[in-house]
Amino acid sequence: MLQRIVRYFQEARAELARVTWPSREEIIQSTEAVLLFVLFSMVILGLYDAVFRFLMGLIR
């Protein structure tokens, strides 16, 4: 049982060594893209909320 656990961690470490990790610039660019998308989504959803709130106010 212990040998299987040790082998698992050895294989996991070897697999992590084969991974191509993104550069710092790629991480920064990806983070900026995600933040811009989230900001854009917040604005759109906020506008939808304001419009529907206004329309519901007209109905009451």
Protein backbone atom coordinates (compact mmCIF):
# COMPACT_ATOMS: atom_id res chain seq x y z
CA MET A 1 0.00 0.00 0.00
CA LEU A 2 2.79 2.42 0.91
CA GLN A 3 4.57 1.65 -2.37
CA ARG A 4 1.45 2.62 -4.33
CA ILE A 5 1.25 5.96 -2.52
CA VAL A 6 4.94 6.67 -3.10
CA ARG A 7 4.63 5.70 -6.77
CA TYR A 8 1.59 7.96 -7.14
CA PHE A 9 3.48 10.99 -5.84
CA GLN A 10 6.51 10.17 -7.99
CA GLU A 11 4.34 9.99 -11.08
CA ALA A 12 2.51 13.18 -10.14
CA ARG A 13 5.81 15.01 -9.70
CA ALA A 14 7.07 13.71 -13.06
CA GLU A 15 3.85 14.85 -14.73
CA LEU A 16 4.15 18.33 -13.21
CA ALA A 17 7.69 18.56 -14.59
CA ARG A 18 6.30 18.00 -18.12
CA VAL A 19 3.72 20.77 -17.83
CA THR A 20 4.32 23.88 -19.90
CA TRP A 21 3.61 26.66 -17.42
CA PRO A 22 2.51 30.08 -18.71
CA SER A 23 4.93 32.98 -18.53
CA ARG A 24 4.34 35.93 -16.23
CA GLU A 25 3.21 38.03 -19.20
CA GLU A 26 0.69 35.38 -20.29
CA ILE A 27 -0.72 35.22 -16.77
CA ILE A 28 -1.04 39.02 -16.62
CA GLN A 29 -2.75 39.15 -20.04
CA SER A 30 -5.16 36.36 -19.12
CA THR A 31 -5.98 38.01 -15.80
CA GLU A 32 -6.65 41.33 -17.53
CA ALA A 33 -8.95 39.63 -20.04
CA VAL A 34 -10.92 37.91 -17.28
CA LEU A 35 -11.23 41.13 -15.25
CA LEU A 36 -12.42 43.08 -18.30
CA PHE A 37 -14.99 40.40 -19.08
CA VAL A 38 -16.25 40.43 -15.49
CA LEU A 39 -16.46 44.24 -15.50
CA PHE A 40 -18.33 44.21 -18.81
CA SER A 41 -20.73 41.55 -17.48
CA MET A 42 -21.34 43.59 -14.33
CA VAL A 43 -22.22 46.67 -16.37
CA ILE A 44 -24.57 44.75 -18.67
CA LEU A 45 -26.33 43.00 -15.79
CA GLY A 46 -26.58 46.28 -13.88
CA LEU A 47 -28.23 47.93 -16.88
CA TYR A 48 -30.67 45.04 -17.26
CA ASP A 49 -31.49 45.28 -13.57
CA ALA A 50 -32.09 49.04 -13.79
CA VAL A 51 -34.34 48.66 -16.85
CA PHE A 52 -36.41 45.86 -15.31
CA ARG A 53 -36.66 47.73 -12.01
CA PHE A 54 -37.94 50.78 -13.90
CA LEU A 55 -40.45 48.68 -15.85
CA MET A 56 -41.68 46.97 -12.68
CA GLY A 57 -42.13 50.42 -11.12
CA LEU A 58 -44.37 51.42 -14.03
CA ILE A 59 -46.53 48.33 -13.55
CA ARG A 60 -47.15 48.97 -9.86
